Protein backbone atom coordinates (compact mmCIF):
# COMPACT_ATOMS: atom_id res chain seq x y z
CA MET A 1 -4.98 -4.46 -0.02
CA GLN A 2 -6.33 -4.49 -3.57
CA THR A 3 -9.45 -2.78 -4.78
CA ARG A 4 -11.86 -4.56 -7.11
CA LYS A 5 -10.92 -2.06 -9.82
CA GLN A 6 -7.22 -2.93 -9.48
CA LYS A 7 -7.95 -6.64 -9.68
CA LEU A 8 -10.14 -6.12 -12.79
CA ALA A 9 -7.47 -4.02 -14.51
CA LEU A 10 -4.85 -6.64 -13.73
CA VAL A 11 -7.01 -9.46 -15.06
CA ILE A 12 -7.77 -7.52 -18.25
CA SER A 13 -4.08 -6.79 -18.73
CA MET A 14 -3.22 -10.45 -18.25
CA LEU A 15 -5.90 -11.50 -20.73
CA ALA A 16 -4.60 -9.01 -23.26
CA ALA A 17 -1.07 -10.34 -22.81
CA PHE A 18 -2.34 -13.91 -23.18
CA ALA A 19 -4.26 -13.03 -26.35
CA LEU A 20 -1.19 -11.35 -27.82
CA GLY A 21 0.92 -14.41 -26.99
CA MET A 22 -1.61 -16.80 -28.55
CA ALA A 23 -1.84 -14.69 -31.71
CA THR A 24 1.95 -14.60 -31.93
CA VAL A 25 2.33 -18.34 -31.33
CA SER A 26 -0.23 -19.07 -34.02
CA GLY A 27 2.29 -17.90 -36.61
CA CYS A 28 0.39 -14.93 -37.89
CA ALA A 29 2.69 -13.10 -40.31
CA PHE A 30 1.05 -9.79 -39.42
CA PHE A 31 3.13 -9.48 -36.26
CA THR A 32 6.71 -8.27 -36.63
CA GLU A 33 9.24 -8.23 -33.80
CA GLU A 34 8.84 -4.44 -33.55
CA LYS A 35 5.05 -4.58 -33.28
CA ILE A 36 5.19 -7.37 -30.74
CA ALA A 37 7.71 -5.46 -28.60
CA ALA A 38 5.62 -2.26 -28.75
CA THR A 39 2.45 -4.14 -27.84
CA ALA A 40 4.13 -6.04 -25.01
CA SER A 41 5.53 -2.78 -23.71
CA ALA A 42 2.07 -1.23 -23.76
CA VAL A 43 0.52 -4.22 -21.97
CA LEU A 44 3.27 -4.20 -19.36
CA GLU A 45 2.89 -0.45 -18.82
CA THR A 46 -0.87 -0.81 -18.43
CA ALA A 47 -0.50 -3.54 -15.82
CA TYR A 48 2.12 -1.47 -13.99
CA VAL A 49 0.03 1.71 -13.94
CA ALA A 50 -3.17 -0.13 -13.07
CA GLY A 51 -1.76 -1.31 -9.76
CA GLY A 52 0.89 -3.91 -10.53
CA ALA A 53 3.61 -1.81 -8.93
CA SER A 54 1.65 -1.22 -5.73
CA MET A 55 0.72 -4.91 -5.56
CA VAL A 56 4.39 -5.92 -5.68
CA GLU A 57 5.22 -3.41 -2.94
CA GLN A 58 2.33 -4.66 -0.81
CA LYS A 59 3.51 -8.25 -1.16
CA ILE A 60 7.03 -7.26 -0.18
CA ASP A 61 5.71 -5.32 2.82
CA GLN A 62 3.63 -8.33 3.81
CA MET A 63 6.79 -10.47 3.76
CA VAL A 64 8.37 -8.01 6.22
CA THR A 65 5.28 -8.14 8.42
CA ASP A 66 5.36 -11.93 8.35
CA GLY A 67 9.00 -11.90 9.38
CA LYS A 68 10.22 -13.60 6.20
CA ILE A 69 12.58 -10.76 5.27
CA THR A 70 14.02 -7.72 6.99
CA ALA A 71 13.13 -4.10 6.21
CA GLU A 72 16.53 -3.62 4.61
CA GLN A 73 15.98 -6.65 2.37
CA ALA A 74 12.55 -5.27 1.45
CA THR A 75 14.09 -1.99 0.37
CA LEU A 76 16.61 -3.81 -1.81
CA LEU A 77 13.89 -6.05 -3.21
CA LYS A 78 11.68 -3.11 -4.13
CA ALA A 79 14.62 -1.36 -5.84
CA ALA A 80 15.45 -4.57 -7.76
CA ALA A 81 11.85 -4.97 -8.88
CA GLN A 82 11.73 -1.36 -10.11
CA LYS A 83 15.05 -1.71 -11.94
CA SER A 84 13.94 -4.95 -13.57
CA TYR A 85 10.75 -3.33 -14.79
CA GLU A 86 12.62 -0.30 -16.19
CA ASP A 87 15.24 -2.48 -17.91
CA LEU A 88 12.56 -4.65 -19.53
CA GLN A 89 10.64 -1.59 -20.71
CA ARG A 90 13.83 -0.08 -22.15
CA THR A 91 14.59 -3.29 -24.04
CA LEU A 92 11.06 -3.52 -25.39
CA ARG A 93 11.02 0.12 -26.44
CA ASP A 94 14.41 -0.21 -28.14
CA LYS A 95 12.95 -3.03 -30.23
CA GLY A 96 9.60 -1.26 -30.76
CA LEU A 97 8.93 1.26 -33.48
CA ALA A 98 7.70 4.04 -31.20
CA ASP A 99 7.16 4.93 -27.62
CA VAL A 100 3.73 4.02 -26.38
CA GLU A 101 2.12 6.29 -23.82
CA VAL A 102 -0.46 4.65 -21.55
CA SER A 103 -2.74 6.25 -19.02
CA VAL A 104 -5.28 4.63 -16.73
CA THR A 105 -8.08 6.61 -15.11
CA LYS A 106 -8.96 5.76 -11.55
């Protein structure tokens, strides 16, 4: 299912997102909406590239295996998850100052 490296990358991404959220909530004037959007976009991209996308697909496939949804519903659900991710990234990048390129080595 998930390798140890994927789990570690996901946990690190979640911790980075949590730290960003805590720093933002603390009222630090250093963060502007543009910087927050660019950082959130980068964190989301890192989690996605590090295995988040495959984990979502695996969970959906497991739901098919368990008989909770049909294969057709799984296809629609995967497409909806991908579209939601792309729409969120587009919104964050529109608010951000620049495009952030992220790469994860495996």
